[in-house]
Amino acid sequence: MKATRRLISSLAIVAALGGGLTACGPEDDSAAGSGGSSSGASAKPSAKPADGGSADKSGGEGGGDCGQPPKLPAGHKMVEIAVPPSKGSMSAKDAKPTCTPNDWIYHGEGKAKYYLFATGEVKAEISTGSGSHKTVPVGELWMHAGDCLTNQSAVKQPYTCSGNIYDITQDSEGKVTTIKEVWHP
């Protein structure tokens, strides 16, 4: 009888603890994941969708307190650069939002795809901190992304490495026309 009660009590404790570990929300900021990850970026749900399309709920593992997954504006795509970009091209994985204790974070998934940059003027922006960006020549962004992947000590202020997640847009041929580093704490 005592063994049965102990087993039931143990299961109740495990169930209670397990439920608390799946929450995702701002009140859990002290949980694992604060302090920055090199494999994801914050995906704040404040981005307003221009197309009104539905979000990809497959990335919403755990859901918890994160709410609905963020929706990107029409024509935008999140990617995680997989290898240092070279002149005119990059390999990147599609990045999907995942609920974490610190809100939605983007992570690259699947095989890397090959992207070409449009000829002419490509708008490139590097993060300089929370919500701030600096427009730079695309070659400078390629060097920054490469340093973040291979030699983070080479990255000088005001820049930092922030998960290698970039918001891109593409032209009708699929070539990258804008690329913006996504900052996360």
N, C-alpha and C. Protein backbone atom coordinates (compact mmCIF):
# COMPACT_ATOMS: atom_id res chain seq x y z
N MET A 1 0.81 -1.18 0.00
CA MET A 1 0.00 0.00 0.00
C MET A 1 0.86 1.26 0.00
N LYS A 2 1.91 1.29 0.89
CA LYS A 2 2.78 2.46 0.95
C LYS A 2 3.51 2.66 -0.37
N ALA A 3 3.94 1.57 -0.99
CA ALA A 3 4.66 1.67 -2.26
C ALA A 3 3.76 2.26 -3.34
N THR A 4 2.49 1.88 -3.36
CA THR A 4 1.55 2.41 -4.35
C THR A 4 1.35 3.91 -4.14
N ARG A 5 1.19 4.33 -2.88
CA ARG A 5 1.02 5.76 -2.59
C ARG A 5 2.27 6.55 -2.98
N ARG A 6 3.45 6.00 -2.71
CA ARG A 6 4.69 6.68 -3.09
C ARG A 6 4.79 6.83 -4.60
N LEU A 7 4.41 5.76 -5.32
CA LEU A 7 4.45 5.81 -6.77
C LEU A 7 3.50 6.87 -7.30
N ILE A 8 2.28 6.90 -6.78
CA ILE A 8 1.29 7.89 -7.22
C ILE A 8 1.77 9.29 -6.87
N SER A 9 2.33 9.48 -5.68
CA SER A 9 2.85 10.79 -5.28
C SER A 9 4.00 11.22 -6.19
N SER A 10 4.88 10.27 -6.51
CA SER A 10 6.01 10.58 -7.39
C SER A 10 5.53 10.98 -8.77
N LEU A 11 4.55 10.26 -9.31
CA LEU A 11 4.00 10.59 -10.63
C LEU A 11 3.35 11.97 -10.62
N ALA A 12 2.64 12.30 -9.54
CA ALA A 12 2.00 13.61 -9.44
C ALA A 12 3.04 14.72 -9.44
N ILE A 13 4.15 14.52 -8.74
CA ILE A 13 5.22 15.52 -8.69
C ILE A 13 5.84 15.68 -10.06
N VAL A 14 6.15 14.58 -10.74
CA VAL A 14 6.74 14.63 -12.08
C VAL A 14 5.80 15.35 -13.04
N ALA A 15 4.51 15.04 -12.98
CA ALA A 15 3.54 15.69 -13.86
C ALA A 15 3.47 17.18 -13.59
N ALA A 16 3.50 17.57 -12.34
CA ALA A 16 3.45 18.99 -11.99
C ALA A 16 4.69 19.72 -12.47
N LEU A 17 5.84 19.12 -12.29
CA LEU A 17 7.08 19.74 -12.75
C LEU A 17 7.13 19.79 -14.27
N GLY A 18 6.73 18.75 -14.93
CA GLY A 18 6.75 18.70 -16.40
C GLY A 18 5.89 19.77 -17.02
N GLY A 19 4.75 20.09 -16.44
CA GLY A 19 3.88 21.13 -16.98
C GLY A 19 4.52 22.49 -16.91
N GLY A 20 5.31 22.75 -15.88
CA GLY A 20 5.96 24.04 -15.74
C GLY A 20 7.13 24.22 -16.68
N LEU A 21 7.68 23.15 -17.18
CA LEU A 21 8.84 23.26 -18.06
C LEU A 21 8.47 23.55 -19.50
N THR A 22 7.20 23.46 -19.86
CA THR A 22 6.83 23.66 -21.25
C THR A 22 6.35 25.06 -21.55
N ALA A 23 6.25 25.92 -20.55
CA ALA A 23 5.75 27.28 -20.78
C ALA A 23 6.76 28.09 -21.58
N CYS A 24 6.25 28.98 -22.42
CA CYS A 24 7.09 29.88 -23.21
C CYS A 24 6.54 31.28 -23.04
N GLY A 25 7.24 32.12 -22.38
CA GLY A 25 6.73 33.48 -22.24
C GLY A 25 7.69 34.38 -21.51
N PRO A 26 7.40 35.67 -21.50
CA PRO A 26 8.29 36.64 -20.90
C PRO A 26 8.54 36.38 -19.42
N GLU A 27 7.57 35.79 -18.70
CA GLU A 27 7.77 35.54 -17.28
C GLU A 27 8.80 34.46 -17.04
N ASP A 28 9.25 33.77 -18.08
CA ASP A 28 10.24 32.72 -17.95
C ASP A 28 11.62 33.18 -18.40
N ASP A 29 11.87 34.50 -18.45
CA ASP A 29 13.13 35.02 -18.98
C ASP A 29 14.36 34.49 -18.28
N SER A 30 14.24 34.06 -17.04
CA SER A 30 15.42 33.55 -16.34
C SER A 30 15.72 32.11 -16.69
N ALA A 31 14.85 31.49 -17.47
CA ALA A 31 15.05 30.09 -17.85
C ALA A 31 16.15 29.97 -18.88
N ALA A 32 16.53 28.74 -19.17
CA ALA A 32 17.56 28.49 -20.16
C ALA A 32 17.20 29.15 -21.46
N GLY A 33 18.19 29.68 -22.14
CA GLY A 33 17.96 30.33 -23.41
C GLY A 33 18.21 31.82 -23.32
N SER A 34 18.14 32.43 -22.13
CA SER A 34 18.48 33.84 -22.05
C SER A 34 19.99 33.94 -22.10
N GLY A 35 20.52 34.96 -22.64
CA GLY A 35 21.96 35.05 -22.76
C GLY A 35 22.40 34.83 -24.18
N GLY A 36 21.50 34.56 -25.08
CA GLY A 36 21.82 34.51 -26.49
C GLY A 36 22.25 33.14 -26.95
N SER A 37 21.75 32.77 -28.05
CA SER A 37 22.11 31.52 -28.67
C SER A 37 22.73 31.85 -30.00
N SER A 38 23.69 31.07 -30.43
CA SER A 38 24.29 31.35 -31.72
C SER A 38 23.53 30.68 -32.84
N SER A 39 22.41 30.05 -32.53
CA SER A 39 21.69 29.36 -33.60
C SER A 39 20.29 29.88 -33.82
N GLY A 40 19.93 31.01 -33.28
CA GLY A 40 18.59 31.51 -33.51
C GLY A 40 18.51 32.99 -33.26
N ALA A 41 17.40 33.59 -33.63
CA ALA A 41 17.19 35.02 -33.44
C ALA A 41 15.78 35.26 -33.00
N SER A 42 15.60 36.33 -32.31
CA SER A 42 14.28 36.66 -31.80
C SER A 42 13.32 36.93 -32.94
N ALA A 43 12.14 36.41 -32.81
CA ALA A 43 11.10 36.59 -33.82
C ALA A 43 9.91 37.21 -33.12
N LYS A 44 9.99 38.47 -32.80
CA LYS A 44 8.92 39.13 -32.08
C LYS A 44 7.66 39.14 -32.94
N PRO A 45 6.51 38.80 -32.35
CA PRO A 45 5.28 38.75 -33.12
C PRO A 45 4.75 40.11 -33.51
N SER A 46 5.51 41.19 -33.33
CA SER A 46 5.02 42.51 -33.67
C SER A 46 5.06 42.79 -35.17
N ALA A 47 5.77 41.94 -35.94
CA ALA A 47 5.81 42.15 -37.38
C ALA A 47 4.42 41.97 -37.96
N LYS A 48 3.96 42.97 -38.70
CA LYS A 48 2.60 42.92 -39.23
C LYS A 48 2.62 42.28 -40.61
N PRO A 49 1.82 41.25 -40.83
CA PRO A 49 1.80 40.62 -42.13
C PRO A 49 1.11 41.52 -43.15
N ALA A 50 1.70 41.62 -44.31
CA ALA A 50 1.09 42.41 -45.37
C ALA A 50 0.08 41.59 -46.16
N ASP A 51 0.23 40.26 -46.10
CA ASP A 51 -0.64 39.41 -46.90
C ASP A 51 -1.76 38.75 -46.12
N GLY A 52 -1.73 38.86 -44.80
CA GLY A 52 -2.78 38.25 -43.98
C GLY A 52 -2.76 36.75 -44.00
N GLY A 53 -1.68 36.13 -44.52
CA GLY A 53 -1.60 34.68 -44.62
C GLY A 53 -1.47 34.03 -43.26
N SER A 54 -1.67 32.74 -43.23
CA SER A 54 -1.59 32.02 -41.96
C SER A 54 -0.14 31.70 -41.65
N ALA A 55 0.15 31.60 -40.39
CA ALA A 55 1.51 31.31 -39.94
C ALA A 55 1.78 29.81 -40.03
N ASP A 56 3.05 29.48 -40.13
CA ASP A 56 3.47 28.09 -40.12
C ASP A 56 3.46 27.61 -38.68
N LYS A 57 2.47 26.83 -38.30
CA LYS A 57 2.33 26.39 -36.92
C LYS A 57 3.28 25.25 -36.59
N SER A 58 3.96 24.69 -37.58
CA SER A 58 4.87 23.59 -37.29
C SER A 58 6.02 24.04 -36.42
N GLY A 59 6.39 25.32 -36.49
CA GLY A 59 7.47 25.83 -35.67
C GLY A 59 7.01 26.19 -34.28
N GLY A 60 5.73 26.09 -34.00
CA GLY A 60 5.20 26.52 -32.72
C GLY A 60 5.24 25.44 -31.66
N GLU A 61 6.24 24.59 -31.68
CA GLU A 61 6.35 23.52 -30.70
C GLU A 61 6.18 24.08 -29.30
N GLY A 62 5.32 23.52 -28.52
CA GLY A 62 5.13 23.93 -27.15
C GLY A 62 4.16 25.07 -26.99
N GLY A 63 4.01 25.94 -28.01
CA GLY A 63 3.08 27.06 -27.98
C GLY A 63 3.15 27.87 -26.71
N GLY A 64 2.80 27.28 -25.57
CA GLY A 64 2.89 27.92 -24.28
C GLY A 64 2.35 29.33 -24.28
N ASP A 65 3.11 30.24 -23.68
CA ASP A 65 2.71 31.63 -23.56
C ASP A 65 3.20 32.48 -24.73
N CYS A 66 3.79 31.90 -25.74
CA CYS A 66 4.30 32.68 -26.86
C CYS A 66 3.19 33.26 -27.72
N GLY A 67 2.00 32.69 -27.67
CA GLY A 67 0.94 33.15 -28.55
C GLY A 67 1.12 32.58 -29.94
N GLN A 68 0.54 33.27 -30.92
CA GLN A 68 0.63 32.81 -32.30
C GLN A 68 2.04 33.05 -32.85
N PRO A 69 2.52 32.16 -33.74
CA PRO A 69 3.83 32.38 -34.36
C PRO A 69 3.82 33.70 -35.14
N PRO A 70 4.97 34.35 -35.24
CA PRO A 70 5.04 35.62 -35.97
C PRO A 70 4.74 35.41 -37.45
N LYS A 71 4.20 36.45 -38.07
CA LYS A 71 3.93 36.43 -39.51
C LYS A 71 4.83 37.47 -40.16
N LEU A 72 5.50 37.06 -41.19
CA LEU A 72 6.39 37.97 -41.90
C LEU A 72 5.61 38.79 -42.92
N PRO A 73 6.09 39.99 -43.21
CA PRO A 73 5.46 40.77 -44.28
C PRO A 73 5.58 40.01 -45.61
N ALA A 74 4.66 40.27 -46.51
CA ALA A 74 4.68 39.62 -47.82
C ALA A 74 6.03 39.81 -48.49
N GLY A 75 6.55 38.74 -49.07
CA GLY A 75 7.81 38.80 -49.80
C GLY A 75 9.05 38.63 -48.94
N HIS A 76 8.90 38.55 -47.63
CA HIS A 76 10.06 38.39 -46.74
C HIS A 76 10.23 36.92 -46.37
N LYS A 77 11.49 36.55 -46.13
CA LYS A 77 11.82 35.18 -45.77
C LYS A 77 12.97 35.23 -44.77
N MET A 78 12.89 34.40 -43.74
CA MET A 78 13.98 34.30 -42.77
C MET A 78 14.86 33.12 -43.14
N VAL A 79 16.18 33.34 -43.09
CA VAL A 79 17.13 32.29 -43.39
C VAL A 79 18.25 32.32 -42.36
N GLU A 80 18.88 31.16 -42.16
CA GLU A 80 20.08 31.07 -41.34
C GLU A 80 21.23 30.72 -42.26
N ILE A 81 22.21 31.63 -42.35
CA ILE A 81 23.36 31.40 -43.22
C ILE A 81 24.14 30.19 -42.72
N ALA A 82 24.43 29.25 -43.62
CA ALA A 82 25.05 27.98 -43.25
C ALA A 82 26.57 27.99 -43.40
N VAL A 83 27.07 28.70 -44.40
CA VAL A 83 28.51 28.81 -44.64
C VAL A 83 28.80 30.26 -44.98
N PRO A 84 30.04 30.72 -44.77
CA PRO A 84 30.34 32.11 -45.08
C PRO A 84 29.98 32.44 -46.54
N PRO A 85 29.24 33.54 -46.75
CA PRO A 85 28.89 33.93 -48.11
C PRO A 85 30.14 34.26 -48.92
N SER A 86 30.07 33.99 -50.22
CA SER A 86 31.16 34.37 -51.10
C SER A 86 30.61 35.42 -52.06
N LYS A 87 31.45 35.96 -52.86
CA LYS A 87 31.04 37.04 -53.76
C LYS A 87 29.83 36.63 -54.60
N GLY A 88 28.71 37.24 -54.30
CA GLY A 88 27.52 37.06 -55.12
C GLY A 88 26.62 35.91 -54.76
N SER A 89 26.98 35.10 -53.73
CA SER A 89 26.13 33.95 -53.40
C SER A 89 26.25 33.59 -51.93
N MET A 90 25.26 32.81 -51.48
CA MET A 90 25.31 32.28 -50.11
C MET A 90 24.50 31.00 -50.06
N SER A 91 24.81 30.18 -49.07
CA SER A 91 24.04 28.98 -48.77
C SER A 91 23.37 29.22 -47.43
N ALA A 92 22.06 29.00 -47.37
CA ALA A 92 21.32 29.26 -46.14
C ALA A 92 20.17 28.29 -46.01
N LYS A 93 19.81 28.01 -44.76
CA LYS A 93 18.66 27.16 -44.46
C LYS A 93 17.44 28.05 -44.21
N ASP A 94 16.28 27.57 -44.61
CA ASP A 94 15.05 28.27 -44.25
C ASP A 94 14.95 28.29 -42.73
N ALA A 95 14.59 29.42 -42.15
CA ALA A 95 14.49 29.55 -40.70
C ALA A 95 13.02 29.63 -40.31
N LYS A 96 12.64 28.82 -39.35
CA LYS A 96 11.26 28.75 -38.85
C LYS A 96 11.22 29.20 -37.39
N PRO A 97 10.12 29.82 -36.97
CA PRO A 97 10.02 30.24 -35.57
C PRO A 97 9.74 29.07 -34.64
N THR A 98 10.38 29.11 -33.47
CA THR A 98 10.20 28.11 -32.42
C THR A 98 9.96 28.85 -31.11
N CYS A 99 8.97 28.40 -30.33
CA CYS A 99 8.67 29.02 -29.06
C CYS A 99 9.74 28.63 -28.03
N THR A 100 10.31 29.63 -27.36
CA THR A 100 11.29 29.41 -26.30
C THR A 100 10.85 30.21 -25.07
N PRO A 101 11.52 30.03 -23.96
CA PRO A 101 11.19 30.85 -22.78
C PRO A 101 11.35 32.35 -23.02
N ASN A 102 12.11 32.72 -24.04
CA ASN A 102 12.34 34.14 -24.35
C ASN A 102 11.52 34.63 -25.53
N ASP A 103 10.45 33.97 -25.89
CA ASP A 103 9.57 34.33 -26.99
C ASP A 103 9.93 33.49 -28.22
N TRP A 104 9.53 33.95 -29.39
CA TRP A 104 9.79 33.21 -30.63
C TRP A 104 11.21 33.46 -31.08
N ILE A 105 11.92 32.38 -31.44
CA ILE A 105 13.29 32.44 -31.93
C ILE A 105 13.33 31.67 -33.25
N TYR A 106 13.99 32.24 -34.25
CA TYR A 106 14.14 31.56 -35.53
C TYR A 106 15.33 30.62 -35.50
N HIS A 107 15.16 29.45 -36.14
CA HIS A 107 16.22 28.45 -36.28
C HIS A 107 16.18 27.90 -37.70
N GLY A 108 17.35 27.70 -38.28
CA GLY A 108 17.44 27.10 -39.60
C GLY A 108 17.05 25.64 -39.55
N GLU A 109 16.36 25.19 -40.60
CA GLU A 109 15.91 23.80 -40.68
C GLU A 109 16.20 23.23 -42.06
N GLY A 110 16.43 21.94 -42.11
CA GLY A 110 16.59 21.25 -43.39
C GLY A 110 17.93 21.51 -44.05
N LYS A 111 17.98 21.22 -45.34
CA LYS A 111 19.20 21.39 -46.12
C LYS A 111 19.36 22.85 -46.52
N ALA A 112 20.60 23.28 -46.59
CA ALA A 112 20.90 24.63 -47.05
C ALA A 112 20.57 24.75 -48.53
N LYS A 113 20.07 25.92 -48.90
CA LYS A 113 19.76 26.24 -50.30
C LYS A 113 20.77 27.27 -50.79
N TYR A 114 20.99 27.26 -52.08
CA TYR A 114 21.94 28.17 -52.70
C TYR A 114 21.19 29.41 -53.18
N TYR A 115 21.67 30.59 -52.80
CA TYR A 115 21.05 31.86 -53.19
C TYR A 115 22.07 32.71 -53.93
N LEU A 116 21.62 33.36 -54.99
CA LEU A 116 22.43 34.35 -55.70
C LEU A 116 21.92 35.73 -55.31
N PHE A 117 22.82 36.69 -55.29
CA PHE A 117 22.43 38.07 -55.05
C PHE A 117 22.15 38.75 -56.38
N ALA A 118 21.18 39.66 -56.39
CA ALA A 118 20.83 40.39 -57.60
C ALA A 118 22.03 41.24 -58.04
N THR A 119 22.14 41.43 -59.34
CA THR A 119 23.19 42.32 -59.83
C THR A 119 22.73 43.75 -59.59
N GLY A 120 23.67 44.65 -59.43
CA GLY A 120 23.30 46.03 -59.12
C GLY A 120 23.25 46.25 -57.63
N GLU A 121 22.39 47.14 -57.21
CA GLU A 121 22.33 47.55 -55.81
C GLU A 121 21.51 46.58 -54.97
N VAL A 122 22.16 45.94 -54.01
CA VAL A 122 21.49 45.08 -53.02
C VAL A 122 21.54 45.85 -51.70
N LYS A 123 20.38 46.03 -51.08
CA LYS A 123 20.35 46.74 -49.79
C LYS A 123 20.74 45.74 -48.70
N ALA A 124 21.79 46.08 -47.95
CA ALA A 124 22.29 45.21 -46.88
C ALA A 124 22.34 46.00 -45.59
N GLU A 125 21.88 45.36 -44.49
CA GLU A 125 21.88 46.01 -43.19
C GLU A 125 22.43 45.05 -42.14
N ILE A 126 23.29 45.59 -41.28
CA ILE A 126 23.86 44.82 -40.18
C ILE A 126 23.32 45.41 -38.88
N SER A 127 22.98 44.54 -37.94
CA SER A 127 22.44 44.96 -36.66
C SER A 127 23.52 45.64 -35.82
N THR A 128 23.11 46.74 -35.16
CA THR A 128 24.00 47.44 -34.23
C THR A 128 23.41 47.39 -32.82
N GLY A 129 22.47 46.50 -32.59
CA GLY A 129 21.86 46.37 -31.27
C GLY A 129 20.36 46.25 -31.40
N SER A 130 19.69 46.36 -30.30
CA SER A 130 18.25 46.17 -30.23
C SER A 130 17.49 47.12 -31.16
N GLY A 131 17.04 46.60 -32.28
CA GLY A 131 16.22 47.37 -33.20
C GLY A 131 16.96 48.35 -34.08
N SER A 132 18.27 48.45 -33.94
CA SER A 132 19.06 49.39 -34.73
C SER A 132 19.87 48.66 -35.79
N HIS A 133 19.96 49.28 -36.95
CA HIS A 133 20.72 48.69 -38.06
C HIS A 133 21.52 49.76 -38.78
N LYS A 134 22.58 49.34 -39.45
CA LYS A 134 23.39 50.23 -40.27
C LYS A 134 23.40 49.67 -41.68
N THR A 135 23.08 50.51 -42.66
CA THR A 135 23.13 50.11 -44.05
C THR A 135 24.60 50.10 -44.47
N VAL A 136 25.01 48.99 -45.08
CA VAL A 136 26.41 48.80 -45.49
C VAL A 136 26.43 48.24 -46.91
N PRO A 137 27.60 48.33 -47.57
CA PRO A 137 27.74 47.64 -48.86
C PRO A 137 27.56 46.14 -48.64
N VAL A 138 26.96 45.45 -49.59
CA VAL A 138 26.66 44.03 -49.41
C VAL A 138 27.93 43.21 -49.13
N GLY A 139 29.06 43.61 -49.69
CA GLY A 139 30.32 42.91 -49.42
C GLY A 139 30.71 42.97 -47.95
N GLU A 140 30.41 44.08 -47.29
CA GLU A 140 30.70 44.21 -45.86
C GLU A 140 29.81 43.25 -45.06
N LEU A 141 28.56 43.10 -45.48
CA LEU A 141 27.67 42.14 -44.81
C LEU A 141 28.18 40.72 -45.01
N TRP A 142 28.65 40.38 -46.20
CA TRP A 142 29.20 39.04 -46.44
C TRP A 142 30.37 38.77 -45.50
N MET A 143 31.26 39.75 -45.35
CA MET A 143 32.42 39.57 -44.46
C MET A 143 31.95 39.42 -43.01
N HIS A 144 30.99 40.25 -42.60
CA HIS A 144 30.45 40.17 -41.24
C HIS A 144 29.84 38.79 -40.98
N ALA A 145 29.01 38.31 -41.89
CA ALA A 145 28.37 37.00 -41.73
C ALA A 145 29.42 35.90 -41.67
N GLY A 146 30.45 36.00 -42.50
CA GLY A 146 31.53 35.01 -42.48
C GLY A 146 32.30 35.02 -41.18
N ASP A 147 32.58 36.23 -40.66
CA ASP A 147 33.27 36.33 -39.37
C ASP A 147 32.42 35.74 -38.25
N CYS A 148 31.11 35.98 -38.30
CA CYS A 148 30.24 35.44 -37.25
C CYS A 148 30.22 33.91 -37.27
N LEU A 149 30.40 33.34 -38.43
CA LEU A 149 30.41 31.88 -38.55
C LEU A 149 31.76 31.27 -38.19
N THR A 150 32.85 31.99 -38.47
CA THR A 150 34.17 31.37 -38.33
C THR A 150 35.11 32.03 -37.34
N ASN A 151 34.95 33.34 -37.09
CA ASN A 151 35.92 34.05 -36.26
C ASN A 151 35.24 35.25 -35.57
N GLN A 152 34.43 34.97 -34.57
CA GLN A 152 33.65 36.04 -33.94
C GLN A 152 34.52 37.12 -33.31
N SER A 153 35.75 36.80 -32.96
CA SER A 153 36.63 37.82 -32.37
C SER A 153 37.00 38.90 -33.39
N ALA A 154 36.83 38.63 -34.68
CA ALA A 154 37.13 39.62 -35.72
C ALA A 154 36.02 40.67 -35.85
N VAL A 155 34.86 40.42 -35.25
CA VAL A 155 33.72 41.34 -35.36
C VAL A 155 33.95 42.50 -34.40
N LYS A 156 33.97 43.71 -34.94
CA LYS A 156 34.24 44.92 -34.15
C LYS A 156 32.96 45.69 -33.89
N GLN A 157 32.97 46.44 -32.77
CA GLN A 157 31.84 47.30 -32.41
C GLN A 157 31.57 48.28 -33.55
N PRO A 158 30.37 48.65 -33.85
CA PRO A 158 29.18 48.44 -33.05
C PRO A 158 28.47 47.12 -33.36
N TYR A 159 29.11 46.26 -34.15
CA TYR A 159 28.47 45.02 -34.56
C TYR A 159 28.71 43.90 -33.55
N THR A 160 27.81 42.92 -33.56
CA THR A 160 27.96 41.70 -32.79
C THR A 160 27.42 40.56 -33.63
N CYS A 161 27.65 39.36 -33.20
CA CYS A 161 27.08 38.20 -33.88
C CYS A 161 25.80 37.83 -33.15
N SER A 162 24.76 37.56 -33.93
CA SER A 162 23.45 37.39 -33.31
C SER A 162 22.67 36.24 -33.93
N GLY A 163 23.28 35.08 -34.08
CA GLY A 163 22.55 33.91 -34.51
C GLY A 163 22.54 33.60 -35.99
N ASN A 164 23.15 34.45 -36.81
CA ASN A 164 23.23 34.21 -38.26
C ASN A 164 21.88 34.12 -38.95
N ILE A 165 20.88 34.79 -38.39
CA ILE A 165 19.55 34.82 -39.00
C ILE A 165 19.40 36.13 -39.75
N TYR A 166 18.91 36.03 -40.99
CA TYR A 166 18.75 37.20 -41.84
C TYR A 166 17.36 37.20 -42.48
N ASP A 167 16.80 38.39 -42.59
CA ASP A 167 15.53 38.63 -43.26
C ASP A 167 15.88 39.04 -44.69
N ILE A 168 15.42 38.27 -45.67
CA ILE A 168 15.75 38.57 -47.06
C ILE A 168 14.48 38.79 -47.88
N THR A 169 14.66 39.52 -48.98
CA THR A 169 13.63 39.59 -50.02
C THR A 169 14.31 39.20 -51.33
N GLN A 170 13.51 38.73 -52.27
CA GLN A 170 14.05 38.25 -53.54
C GLN A 170 13.27 38.85 -54.70
N ASP A 171 13.95 38.96 -55.84
CA ASP A 171 13.28 39.45 -57.04
C ASP A 171 12.52 38.30 -57.71
N SER A 172 11.94 38.58 -58.87
CA SER A 172 11.13 37.56 -59.56
C SER A 172 11.95 36.36 -60.01
N GLU A 173 13.27 36.50 -60.09
CA GLU A 173 14.14 35.39 -60.46
C GLU A 173 14.67 34.64 -59.24
N GLY A 174 14.27 35.06 -58.05
CA GLY A 174 14.73 34.41 -56.83
C GLY A 174 16.04 34.93 -56.29
N LYS A 175 16.57 36.00 -56.88
CA LYS A 175 17.84 36.57 -56.42
C LYS A 175 17.58 37.51 -55.24
N VAL A 176 18.49 37.49 -54.29
CA VAL A 176 18.37 38.31 -53.08
C VAL A 176 18.53 39.79 -53.45
N THR A 177 17.53 40.60 -53.05
CA THR A 177 17.57 42.04 -53.31
C THR A 177 17.79 42.85 -52.04
N THR A 178 17.35 42.31 -50.89
CA THR A 178 17.64 42.93 -49.59
C THR A 178 18.01 41.83 -48.62
N ILE A 179 18.90 42.19 -47.68
CA ILE A 179 19.30 41.26 -46.63
C ILE A 179 19.57 42.07 -45.38
N LYS A 180 18.92 41.66 -44.30
CA LYS A 180 19.00 42.40 -43.04
C LYS A 180 19.24 41.44 -41.90
N GLU A 181 20.32 41.66 -41.15
CA GLU A 181 20.62 40.82 -40.01
C GLU A 181 19.54 41.01 -38.94
N VAL A 182 19.09 39.91 -38.35
CA VAL A 182 18.07 39.95 -37.29
C VAL A 182 18.79 39.92 -35.95
N TRP A 183 18.57 40.92 -35.13
CA TRP A 183 19.21 41.00 -33.83
C TRP A 183 18.39 40.29 -32.77
N HIS A 184 19.05 39.67 -31.83
CA HIS A 184 18.39 39.13 -30.64
C HIS A 184 19.35 39.27 -29.47
N PRO A 185 18.79 39.38 -28.25
CA PRO A 185 19.64 39.54 -27.07
C PRO A 185 20.44 38.29 -26.76
